[in-house]
Amino acid sequence: MLSQLSALHHPVRVMSRSPENAGFPPHTEVMRGDLTVPDTLDACLTDIDTVFLVWVAPRSAVAAALPRIFRRARRIVFLSAPLKTAHPLFQTSNPLKELMSQIEQMIADSGLEWSLLRPGMFAANARQWWGNQIRAGDVVRWPYLDVPTAPIDERDIAAVAVRALCEDGHTGAEYVLTGPQSLTHREQISTIGKAIGRSLRIEEITPDEARRELLSVIPALPAINMLLDAWAAASGRPAFVSSTLQQVTGAPPRTFLEWTLNHTSEFGRNRSAVPS
């Protein structure tokens, strides 16, 4: 998103708890701030009237941090979740959903201009979920292989965010964003194999096996249970696919294969290219 904003010559300030390790593009202003330490927010928000909010703090920090942001901002674009989408994948009750709902309500009550981005599954999850297994060998073990999602490229989420941040006409919008295809987990893993030129052996594991094995990938059992519950609820249903991105930007969403071809280095080399 920063590169897209820079291309439009918009000044950008980023708040980070560790600016020295942030790794943002050159010419990006980075300031130290922490959502859990409200006193650090005022300096970060000085002369800022538009905020892209990505909540990465505990729920206990909401009540103190958001009013600080509301006092400075005129417009807020919040990266939320598809809470209202009538598809089983998004309707299971969980703590993250409750947190997003609380923040959304506070934003709606603030009297500010606001827009909500509601992306479904991120294509970038593939990096965390399957990257280690694919780099280590040719076997990928995963639960609910035949449950489909419509993974969205993070660049497409950014494109909508930039519109909502920089243009008028998005106030009150709730943009549900997905990729263009309903793909099962098995199809997504196979797509990665195709992109890197390797034949992957895909093995289905049970939810109980997943709770043990996924801790090395997602080091929080509540998050694993949240995903397992969502996939179980979505079993036997095609993924929800939205046309919102094209309506907002005029461009079609990128496919999962396009995302994968842009990230092949993160899944290891083509074994046929390794000298014997």
Protein backbone atom coordinates (compact mmCIF):
# COMPACT_ATOMS: atom_id res chain seq x y z
CA MET A 1 0.00 0.00 0.00
CA LEU A 2 2.86 2.39 0.77
CA SER A 3 4.21 2.05 -2.77
CA GLN A 4 0.77 2.81 -4.21
CA LEU A 5 0.40 5.90 -2.02
CA SER A 6 3.90 7.06 -2.92
CA ALA A 7 3.12 6.68 -6.62
CA LEU A 8 0.25 9.12 -6.09
CA HIS A 9 2.62 11.52 -4.27
CA HIS A 10 0.70 11.39 -1.01
CA PRO A 11 2.77 12.02 2.13
CA VAL A 12 2.60 9.01 4.44
CA ARG A 13 3.48 8.50 8.07
CA VAL A 14 3.72 5.01 9.56
CA MET A 15 3.47 4.21 13.25
CA SER A 16 5.61 1.33 14.49
CA ARG A 17 6.65 0.02 17.89
CA SER A 18 10.13 -0.58 16.46
CA PRO A 19 10.89 1.96 13.71
CA GLU A 20 14.50 0.84 13.46
CA ASN A 21 13.38 -2.66 12.41
CA ALA A 22 10.31 -1.71 10.36
CA GLY A 23 11.84 -2.12 6.91
CA PHE A 24 9.53 0.35 5.17
CA PRO A 25 10.37 1.85 1.75
CA PRO A 26 12.76 4.81 1.57
CA HIS A 27 11.31 8.27 2.08
CA THR A 28 8.56 6.87 4.35
CA GLU A 29 8.24 8.76 7.61
CA VAL A 30 8.19 6.26 10.47
CA MET A 31 7.42 7.25 14.07
CA ARG A 32 7.52 5.23 17.24
CA GLY A 33 4.08 4.54 18.69
CA ASP A 34 2.13 1.78 20.36
CA LEU A 35 -1.62 1.23 20.48
CA THR A 36 -1.22 -0.11 24.01
CA VAL A 37 0.48 3.11 25.16
CA PRO A 38 -2.04 5.90 24.37
CA ASP A 39 0.36 8.72 25.25
CA THR A 40 2.51 7.75 22.25
CA LEU A 41 -0.31 8.27 19.76
CA ASP A 42 -0.68 12.05 19.87
CA ALA A 43 2.71 12.81 18.32
CA CYS A 44 2.14 10.20 15.61
CA LEU A 45 -1.21 11.78 14.73
CA THR A 46 -0.04 15.41 14.67
CA ASP A 47 -1.05 16.99 11.33
CA ILE A 48 -2.67 13.71 10.25
CA ASP A 49 -6.31 13.78 9.18
CA THR A 50 -6.69 10.36 7.53
CA VAL A 51 -5.87 7.11 9.31
CA PHE A 52 -5.56 3.56 7.99
CA LEU A 53 -6.20 1.48 11.09
CA VAL A 54 -4.88 -2.08 11.37
CA TRP A 55 -5.61 -3.30 14.89
CA VAL A 56 -2.73 -5.42 16.23
CA ALA A 57 -3.15 -4.85 19.97
CA PRO A 58 -5.11 -6.63 22.72
CA ARG A 59 -8.79 -5.85 23.17
CA SER A 60 -8.00 -4.17 26.47
CA ALA A 61 -6.28 -1.32 24.59
CA VAL A 62 -9.31 -0.35 22.49
CA ALA A 63 -11.08 1.93 24.98
CA ALA A 64 -8.07 4.18 25.51
CA ALA A 65 -6.50 4.18 22.05
CA LEU A 66 -9.46 4.81 19.77
CA PRO A 67 -10.64 8.08 21.39
CA ARG A 68 -7.09 9.43 20.94
CA ILE A 69 -7.30 8.63 17.25
CA PHE A 70 -10.81 10.08 16.95
CA ARG A 71 -9.69 13.42 18.39
CA ARG A 72 -7.12 13.90 15.62
CA ALA A 73 -8.53 12.17 12.55
CA ARG A 74 -11.16 13.31 10.08
CA ARG A 75 -11.36 10.03 8.14
CA ILE A 76 -10.65 6.43 9.19
CA VAL A 77 -10.30 3.40 6.96
CA PHE A 78 -10.37 0.26 9.10
CA LEU A 79 -9.06 -3.15 8.03
CA SER A 80 -11.76 -5.36 9.49
CA ALA A 81 -13.24 -8.73 8.50
CA PRO A 82 -16.32 -9.93 6.57
CA LEU A 83 -18.42 -10.01 9.72
CA LYS A 84 -21.78 -9.55 8.01
CA THR A 85 -21.24 -11.83 5.02
CA ALA A 86 -23.86 -14.58 5.01
CA HIS A 87 -21.45 -17.44 4.42
CA PRO A 88 -20.64 -20.09 7.05
CA LEU A 89 -16.89 -19.45 6.75
CA PHE A 90 -17.36 -15.99 8.25
CA GLN A 91 -20.17 -16.61 10.71
CA THR A 92 -18.59 -18.73 13.44
CA SER A 93 -18.38 -16.92 16.76
CA ASN A 94 -14.84 -16.15 17.96
CA PRO A 95 -12.95 -13.50 19.98
CA LEU A 96 -11.51 -11.80 16.87
CA LYS A 97 -14.99 -11.28 15.45
CA GLU A 98 -16.13 -9.74 18.73
CA LEU A 99 -13.10 -7.42 18.78
CA MET A 100 -13.68 -6.27 15.19
CA SER A 101 -17.35 -5.64 15.96
CA GLN A 102 -16.47 -3.51 18.99
CA ILE A 103 -14.01 -1.37 17.02
CA GLU A 104 -16.46 -0.96 14.14
CA GLN A 105 -19.18 0.24 16.50
CA MET A 106 -16.88 2.77 18.13
CA ILE A 107 -15.84 4.08 14.70
CA ALA A 108 -19.47 4.34 13.58
CA ASP A 109 -20.33 6.27 16.77
CA SER A 110 -17.37 8.64 16.39
CA GLY A 111 -19.03 10.99 13.90
CA LEU A 112 -15.99 10.79 11.59
CA GLU A 113 -15.89 9.80 7.94
CA TRP A 114 -15.20 6.09 7.83
CA SER A 115 -14.86 3.13 5.47
CA LEU A 116 -14.50 -0.55 6.33
CA LEU A 117 -12.45 -3.05 4.38
CA ARG A 118 -13.68 -6.62 4.83
CA PRO A 119 -11.21 -8.97 3.11
CA GLY A 120 -11.72 -12.71 3.29
CA MET A 121 -8.80 -15.14 3.35
CA PHE A 122 -5.49 -13.55 2.41
CA ALA A 123 -3.43 -15.24 -0.31
CA ALA A 124 -0.43 -14.40 1.88
CA ASN A 125 -1.62 -16.99 4.44
CA ALA A 126 -0.08 -19.58 2.11
CA ARG A 127 3.35 -18.29 3.06
CA GLN A 128 2.78 -19.05 6.75
CA TRP A 129 0.58 -22.11 6.44
CA TRP A 130 2.51 -24.17 3.86
CA GLY A 131 5.84 -22.44 3.31
CA ASN A 132 7.86 -24.38 5.89
CA GLN A 133 6.58 -27.76 4.74
CA ILE A 134 7.21 -27.01 1.05
CA ARG A 135 10.71 -25.69 1.71
CA ALA A 136 11.48 -28.78 3.78
CA GLY A 137 10.22 -31.40 1.33
CA ASP A 138 7.44 -32.52 -0.98
CA VAL A 139 4.80 -33.50 1.61
CA VAL A 140 2.17 -31.03 2.79
CA ARG A 141 -0.10 -32.11 5.65
CA TRP A 142 -3.25 -30.04 6.16
CA PRO A 143 -6.83 -30.33 7.46
CA TYR A 144 -10.03 -29.74 5.48
CA LEU A 145 -8.32 -30.07 2.12
CA ASP A 146 -11.59 -29.90 0.20
CA VAL A 147 -12.90 -26.73 1.85
CA PRO A 148 -12.73 -23.80 -0.59
CA THR A 149 -11.85 -20.17 0.03
CA ALA A 150 -11.29 -17.27 -2.36
CA PRO A 151 -7.83 -15.98 -1.40
CA ILE A 152 -7.17 -12.32 -2.17
CA ASP A 153 -3.84 -10.75 -3.10
CA GLU A 154 -2.76 -8.16 -0.53
CA ARG A 155 -2.03 -5.72 -3.36
CA ASP A 156 -5.71 -5.76 -4.26
CA ILE A 157 -6.70 -4.98 -0.68
CA ALA A 158 -4.22 -2.12 -0.77
CA ALA A 159 -5.70 -0.77 -4.01
CA VAL A 160 -9.13 -0.41 -2.38
CA ALA A 161 -7.59 1.03 0.78
CA VAL A 162 -5.80 3.71 -1.24
CA ARG A 163 -9.06 4.70 -2.93
CA ALA A 164 -10.87 4.95 0.38
CA LEU A 165 -8.04 6.94 1.95
CA CYS A 166 -7.47 9.40 -0.88
CA GLU A 167 -10.82 9.86 -2.60
CA ASP A 168 -14.17 11.22 -1.53
CA GLY A 169 -17.27 9.12 -2.00
CA HIS A 170 -16.34 6.15 0.19
CA THR A 171 -17.83 7.32 3.49
CA GLY A 172 -19.93 4.60 5.08
CA ALA A 173 -18.78 1.97 2.59
CA GLU A 174 -18.24 -1.60 3.75
CA TYR A 175 -16.14 -3.30 1.08
CA VAL A 176 -16.18 -7.11 1.17
CA LEU A 177 -13.10 -8.19 -0.79
CA THR A 178 -12.12 -11.61 -2.11
CA GLY A 179 -10.07 -13.13 -4.86
CA PRO A 180 -11.76 -14.15 -8.12
CA GLN A 181 -11.82 -17.93 -7.60
CA SER A 182 -13.26 -20.50 -5.23
CA LEU A 183 -10.29 -22.81 -4.61
CA THR A 184 -10.02 -25.66 -2.14
CA HIS A 185 -6.97 -25.89 0.10
CA ARG A 186 -5.88 -28.84 -2.02
CA GLU A 187 -6.14 -26.73 -5.18
CA GLN A 188 -4.21 -23.87 -3.58
CA ILE A 189 -1.37 -26.16 -2.53
CA SER A 190 -1.32 -27.74 -6.01
CA THR A 191 -1.16 -24.25 -7.52
CA ILE A 192 1.96 -23.51 -5.48
CA GLY A 193 3.52 -26.77 -6.69
CA LYS A 194 2.72 -25.80 -10.29
CA ALA A 195 4.25 -22.35 -9.83
CA ILE A 196 7.51 -23.69 -8.40
CA GLY A 197 7.68 -26.69 -10.75
CA ARG A 198 7.38 -29.39 -8.11
CA SER A 199 5.00 -32.29 -7.55
CA LEU A 200 3.74 -32.01 -3.99
CA ARG A 201 2.19 -34.89 -2.07
CA ILE A 202 -0.81 -33.55 -0.18
CA GLU A 203 -2.01 -35.47 2.88
CA GLU A 204 -5.17 -34.71 4.81
CA ILE A 205 -4.95 -34.68 8.61
CA THR A 206 -7.73 -34.66 11.18
CA PRO A 207 -8.66 -31.56 13.22
CA ASP A 208 -7.06 -33.13 16.29
CA GLU A 209 -3.82 -33.76 14.39
CA ALA A 210 -4.00 -30.19 13.11
CA ARG A 211 -4.26 -28.80 16.65
CA ARG A 212 -0.93 -30.45 17.41
CA GLU A 213 0.92 -29.91 14.14
CA LEU A 214 -0.21 -26.35 13.39
CA LEU A 215 1.17 -24.97 16.64
CA SER A 216 4.54 -24.66 14.90
CA VAL A 217 2.85 -22.56 12.21
CA ILE A 218 0.20 -20.66 14.17
CA PRO A 219 1.54 -20.47 17.74
CA ALA A 220 -1.83 -19.85 19.41
CA LEU A 221 -4.39 -22.60 19.93
CA PRO A 222 -7.38 -20.21 19.96
CA ALA A 223 -6.43 -19.00 16.47
CA ILE A 224 -6.10 -22.59 15.24
CA ASN A 225 -9.49 -23.48 16.71
CA MET A 226 -11.02 -20.40 15.08
CA LEU A 227 -9.78 -21.52 11.66
CA LEU A 228 -10.79 -25.15 12.17
CA ASP A 229 -14.30 -24.14 13.24
CA ALA A 230 -14.66 -21.84 10.22
CA TRP A 231 -13.47 -24.52 7.78
CA ALA A 232 -15.76 -27.12 9.33
CA ALA A 233 -18.72 -24.75 8.98
CA ALA A 234 -17.86 -24.06 5.33
CA SER A 235 -17.46 -27.71 4.34
CA GLY A 236 -19.47 -28.59 1.24
CA ARG A 237 -20.06 -24.98 0.22
CA PRO A 238 -18.36 -23.01 -2.55
CA ALA A 239 -16.41 -20.00 -1.36
CA PHE A 240 -18.03 -16.60 -1.28
CA VAL A 241 -16.67 -14.57 -4.23
CA SER A 242 -17.14 -10.81 -4.36
CA SER A 243 -16.99 -8.45 -7.35
CA THR A 244 -16.35 -5.42 -5.13
CA LEU A 245 -12.72 -4.92 -6.07
CA GLN A 246 -13.48 -4.46 -9.76
CA GLN A 247 -16.40 -2.16 -8.94
CA VAL A 248 -14.17 0.08 -6.80
CA THR A 249 -10.94 0.05 -8.81
CA GLY A 250 -12.04 -0.90 -12.32
CA ALA A 251 -9.45 -3.70 -12.37
CA PRO A 252 -10.07 -7.45 -11.96
CA PRO A 253 -8.66 -9.12 -8.85
CA ARG A 254 -5.43 -11.04 -9.22
CA THR A 255 -5.68 -14.83 -9.21
CA PHE A 256 -4.03 -17.04 -6.63
CA LEU A 257 -1.67 -18.31 -9.33
CA GLU A 258 -0.58 -14.73 -10.02
CA TRP A 259 0.10 -14.22 -6.32
CA THR A 260 2.06 -17.46 -6.15
CA LEU A 261 4.18 -16.67 -9.21
CA ASN A 262 5.16 -13.42 -7.51
CA HIS A 263 6.28 -15.31 -4.37
CA THR A 264 7.95 -18.48 -5.65
CA SER A 265 11.18 -17.71 -3.80
CA GLU A 266 9.33 -18.04 -0.51
CA PHE A 267 8.50 -21.69 -1.22
CA GLY A 268 11.96 -22.92 -2.20
CA ARG A 269 13.72 -23.69 -5.45
CA ASN A 270 12.48 -25.95 -8.19
CA ARG A 271 14.12 -29.25 -7.25
CA SER A 272 14.80 -30.05 -10.91
CA ALA A 273 17.04 -26.98 -10.98
CA VAL A 274 19.20 -28.22 -8.10
CA PRO A 275 22.48 -29.72 -9.39
CA SER A 276 22.91 -33.42 -8.60
